[in-house]
């Protein structure tokens, strides 16, 4: 058995601006700031998992999801976060009506919504089937 099977996971997301990161991750997403390790990282608690928002300077964000949450009710989560100022992505391939919530129904029943942080990192919410 690997020592990693019982080790706590630490998630990382790249950032380039402290105030923008705090405004998004703490104020809009509601994550608890555990530690400010400027100029290295901001550390947030993700329900017992550590998220290190790491200062990396200028970077080009990937076009795929780098961080996501599994939620029990995605429609409510999208509504709550939208009310708090979070914008969710609408991709042409989602084929949603203009007034439909930006939630994609994947094959197999999983429902997914995507958003970007201020640095272009793609984050997601998913409700498993």
C-alpha atoms as a PDB file:
ATOM      1  CA  UNK A   1       0.000   0.000   0.000  1.00  0.00           C
ATOM      2  CA  UNK A   2       1.276   3.463  -0.878  1.00  0.00           C
ATOM      3  CA  UNK A   3       1.844   6.051   1.834  1.00  0.00           C
ATOM      4  CA  UNK A   4      -0.309   8.388  -0.300  1.00  0.00           C
ATOM      5  CA  UNK A   5      -3.507   6.376   0.206  1.00  0.00           C
ATOM      6  CA  UNK A   6      -3.834   7.827   3.710  1.00  0.00           C
ATOM      7  CA  UNK A   7      -2.215  11.229   3.093  1.00  0.00           C
ATOM      8  CA  UNK A   8      -4.280  14.416   2.954  1.00  0.00           C
ATOM      9  CA  UNK A   9      -4.721  15.921  -0.507  1.00  0.00           C
ATOM     10  CA  UNK A  10      -3.487  19.461  -1.190  1.00  0.00           C
ATOM     11  CA  UNK A  11      -4.952  21.214  -4.233  1.00  0.00           C
ATOM     12  CA  UNK A  12      -3.164  24.011  -6.103  1.00  0.00           C
ATOM     13  CA  UNK A  13      -4.411  26.798  -8.346  1.00  0.00           C
ATOM     14  CA  UNK A  14      -2.183  29.450  -9.932  1.00  0.00           C
ATOM     15  CA  UNK A  15      -2.855  33.136  -9.241  1.00  0.00           C
ATOM     16  CA  UNK A  16      -1.085  36.377 -10.046  1.00  0.00           C
ATOM     17  CA  UNK A  17      -2.851  38.977  -7.876  1.00  0.00           C
ATOM     18  CA  UNK A  18      -3.582  38.733  -4.146  1.00  0.00           C
ATOM     19  CA  UNK A  19      -6.554  41.109  -4.015  1.00  0.00           C
ATOM     20  CA  UNK A  20      -8.286  39.519  -7.017  1.00  0.00           C
ATOM     21  CA  UNK A  21      -7.746  36.066  -5.507  1.00  0.00           C
ATOM     22  CA  UNK A  22      -9.150  37.113  -2.130  1.00  0.00           C
ATOM     23  CA  UNK A  23     -12.150  38.801  -3.721  1.00  0.00           C
ATOM     24  CA  UNK A  24     -12.989  35.704  -5.758  1.00  0.00           C
ATOM     25  CA  UNK A  25     -12.054  32.723  -3.597  1.00  0.00           C
ATOM     26  CA  UNK A  26     -12.894  34.213  -0.197  1.00  0.00           C
ATOM     27  CA  UNK A  27     -15.591  36.775  -0.948  1.00  0.00           C
ATOM     28  CA  UNK A  28     -17.450  35.265  -3.918  1.00  0.00           C
ATOM     29  CA  UNK A  29     -16.939  31.529  -3.392  1.00  0.00           C
ATOM     30  CA  UNK A  30     -17.034  31.831   0.405  1.00  0.00           C
ATOM     31  CA  UNK A  31     -13.868  29.835   1.099  1.00  0.00           C
ATOM     32  CA  UNK A  32     -12.185  30.297   4.456  1.00  0.00           C
ATOM     33  CA  UNK A  33      -8.775  31.940   4.261  1.00  0.00           C
ATOM     34  CA  UNK A  34      -6.522  29.957   6.598  1.00  0.00           C
ATOM     35  CA  UNK A  35      -3.224  31.673   5.966  1.00  0.00           C
ATOM     36  CA  UNK A  36      -1.709  34.460   3.906  1.00  0.00           C
ATOM     37  CA  UNK A  37       1.765  33.294   2.919  1.00  0.00           C
ATOM     38  CA  UNK A  38       2.478  36.235   0.621  1.00  0.00           C
ATOM     39  CA  UNK A  39       4.417  36.380  -1.629  1.00  0.00           C
ATOM     40  CA  UNK A  40       4.110  32.597  -2.016  1.00  0.00           C
ATOM     41  CA  UNK A  41       0.468  31.586  -1.583  1.00  0.00           C
ATOM     42  CA  UNK A  42      -2.923  32.151  -0.041  1.00  0.00           C
ATOM     43  CA  UNK A  43      -4.141  29.050   1.778  1.00  0.00           C
ATOM     44  CA  UNK A  44      -7.866  28.266   1.884  1.00  0.00           C
ATOM     45  CA  UNK A  45      -9.808  25.475   3.574  1.00  0.00           C
ATOM     46  CA  UNK A  46     -11.925  23.387   1.215  1.00  0.00           C
ATOM     47  CA  UNK A  47     -13.989  21.381   3.689  1.00  0.00           C
ATOM     48  CA  UNK A  48     -10.848  19.832   5.177  1.00  0.00           C
ATOM     49  CA  UNK A  49      -8.711  19.912   2.031  1.00  0.00           C
ATOM     50  CA  UNK A  50      -6.050  22.574   1.666  1.00  0.00           C
ATOM     51  CA  UNK A  51      -6.174  24.819  -1.401  1.00  0.00           C
ATOM     52  CA  UNK A  52      -2.950  26.688  -2.077  1.00  0.00           C
ATOM     53  CA  UNK A  53      -3.602  29.617  -4.389  1.00  0.00           C
ATOM     54  CA  UNK A  54       0.002  29.974  -5.475  1.00  0.00           C
ATOM     55  CA  UNK A  55       1.492  33.218  -6.764  1.00  0.00           C
ATOM     56  CA  UNK A  56       3.096  32.382 -10.096  1.00  0.00           C
ATOM     57  CA  UNK A  57       3.379  35.766 -11.801  1.00  0.00           C
ATOM     58  CA  UNK A  58       2.099  36.013 -15.340  1.00  0.00           C
ATOM     59  CA  UNK A  59       0.778  32.772 -16.837  1.00  0.00           C
ATOM     60  CA  UNK A  60      -1.593  31.469 -19.463  1.00  0.00           C
ATOM     61  CA  UNK A  61      -4.483  29.547 -17.951  1.00  0.00           C
ATOM     62  CA  UNK A  62      -5.382  26.134 -19.321  1.00  0.00           C
ATOM     63  CA  UNK A  63      -8.666  25.766 -21.184  1.00  0.00           C
ATOM     64  CA  UNK A  64      -9.718  22.742 -19.119  1.00  0.00           C
ATOM     65  CA  UNK A  65     -10.957  22.345 -15.562  1.00  0.00           C
ATOM     66  CA  UNK A  66      -8.251  22.613 -12.916  1.00  0.00           C
ATOM     67  CA  UNK A  67     -10.417  22.560  -9.777  1.00  0.00           C
ATOM     68  CA  UNK A  68     -13.944  21.391  -9.081  1.00  0.00           C
ATOM     69  CA  UNK A  69     -16.522  20.684  -6.412  1.00  0.00           C
ATOM     70  CA  UNK A  70     -19.079  17.911  -6.168  1.00  0.00           C
ATOM     71  CA  UNK A  71     -22.367  19.389  -4.947  1.00  0.00           C
ATOM     72  CA  UNK A  72     -25.659  17.808  -3.938  1.00  0.00           C
ATOM     73  CA  UNK A  73     -27.867  20.330  -5.786  1.00  0.00           C
ATOM     74  CA  UNK A  74     -26.137  22.028  -8.699  1.00  0.00           C
ATOM     75  CA  UNK A  75     -29.090  24.259  -9.589  1.00  0.00           C
ATOM     76  CA  UNK A  76     -29.133  25.752  -6.089  1.00  0.00           C
ATOM     77  CA  UNK A  77     -25.344  26.098  -6.037  1.00  0.00           C
ATOM     78  CA  UNK A  78     -25.343  27.928  -9.383  1.00  0.00           C
ATOM     79  CA  UNK A  79     -28.173  30.191  -8.208  1.00  0.00           C
ATOM     80  CA  UNK A  80     -26.419  31.004  -4.911  1.00  0.00           C
ATOM     81  CA  UNK A  81     -23.033  31.677  -6.500  1.00  0.00           C
ATOM     82  CA  UNK A  82     -24.584  33.747  -9.297  1.00  0.00           C
ATOM     83  CA  UNK A  83     -26.328  35.877  -6.663  1.00  0.00           C
ATOM     84  CA  UNK A  84     -22.894  36.386  -5.096  1.00  0.00           C
ATOM     85  CA  UNK A  85     -21.419  37.669  -8.350  1.00  0.00           C
ATOM     86  CA  UNK A  86     -20.013  34.517  -9.943  1.00  0.00           C
ATOM     87  CA  UNK A  87     -20.555  34.163 -13.700  1.00  0.00           C
ATOM     88  CA  UNK A  88     -20.922  30.709 -15.211  1.00  0.00           C
ATOM     89  CA  UNK A  89     -19.703  29.789 -18.670  1.00  0.00           C
ATOM     90  CA  UNK A  90     -21.944  28.980 -21.617  1.00  0.00           C
ATOM     91  CA  UNK A  91     -20.235  26.946 -24.288  1.00  0.00           C
ATOM     92  CA  UNK A  92     -21.814  26.645 -27.769  1.00  0.00           C
ATOM     93  CA  UNK A  93     -21.763  22.841 -27.606  1.00  0.00           C
ATOM     94  CA  UNK A  94     -23.958  22.924 -24.477  1.00  0.00           C
ATOM     95  CA  UNK A  95     -26.942  23.829 -26.698  1.00  0.00           C
ATOM     96  CA  UNK A  96     -28.888  25.582 -23.961  1.00  0.00           C
ATOM     97  CA  UNK A  97     -31.765  27.988 -24.345  1.00  0.00           C
ATOM     98  CA  UNK A  98     -30.739  31.565 -23.585  1.00  0.00           C
ATOM     99  CA  UNK A  99     -32.817  31.596 -20.400  1.00  0.00           C
ATOM    100  CA  UNK A 100     -31.720  28.120 -19.216  1.00  0.00           C
ATOM    101  CA  UNK A 101     -29.246  27.824 -16.338  1.00  0.00           C
ATOM    102  CA  UNK A 102     -25.673  27.214 -17.624  1.00  0.00           C
ATOM    103  CA  UNK A 103     -25.673  23.571 -16.499  1.00  0.00           C
ATOM    104  CA  UNK A 104     -24.713  20.805 -18.903  1.00  0.00           C
ATOM    105  CA  UNK A 105     -26.300  17.355 -18.628  1.00  0.00           C
ATOM    106  CA  UNK A 106     -23.506  14.917 -19.438  1.00  0.00           C
ATOM    107  CA  UNK A 107     -24.118  11.416 -20.754  1.00  0.00           C
ATOM    108  CA  UNK A 108     -24.760   9.190 -17.763  1.00  0.00           C
ATOM    109  CA  UNK A 109     -26.625  11.842 -15.799  1.00  0.00           C
ATOM    110  CA  UNK A 110     -23.855  13.935 -14.243  1.00  0.00           C
ATOM    111  CA  UNK A 111     -24.655  17.661 -14.369  1.00  0.00           C
ATOM    112  CA  UNK A 112     -21.793  20.174 -14.687  1.00  0.00           C
ATOM    113  CA  UNK A 113     -21.405  23.959 -14.591  1.00  0.00           C
ATOM    114  CA  UNK A 114     -18.158  25.807 -15.306  1.00  0.00           C
ATOM    115  CA  UNK A 115     -16.828  29.196 -14.232  1.00  0.00           C
ATOM    116  CA  UNK A 116     -13.545  31.050 -14.507  1.00  0.00           C
ATOM    117  CA  UNK A 117     -11.615  32.676 -11.710  1.00  0.00           C
ATOM    118  CA  UNK A 118     -10.135  36.157 -12.365  1.00  0.00           C
ATOM    119  CA  UNK A 119      -6.992  34.524 -13.780  1.00  0.00           C
ATOM    120  CA  UNK A 120      -8.785  32.419 -16.386  1.00  0.00           C
ATOM    121  CA  UNK A 121      -8.559  29.138 -14.458  1.00  0.00           C
ATOM    122  CA  UNK A 122     -11.566  26.944 -15.263  1.00  0.00           C
ATOM    123  CA  UNK A 123     -13.404  25.707 -12.172  1.00  0.00           C
ATOM    124  CA  UNK A 124     -16.447  23.453 -12.087  1.00  0.00           C
ATOM    125  CA  UNK A 125     -19.374  22.282 -10.048  1.00  0.00           C
ATOM    126  CA  UNK A 126     -20.757  18.829 -10.618  1.00  0.00           C
ATOM    127  CA  UNK A 127     -23.758  16.924  -9.377  1.00  0.00           C
ATOM    128  CA  UNK A 128     -23.261  13.202  -9.790  1.00  0.00           C
ATOM    129  CA  UNK A 129     -26.030  11.073 -11.208  1.00  0.00           C
END
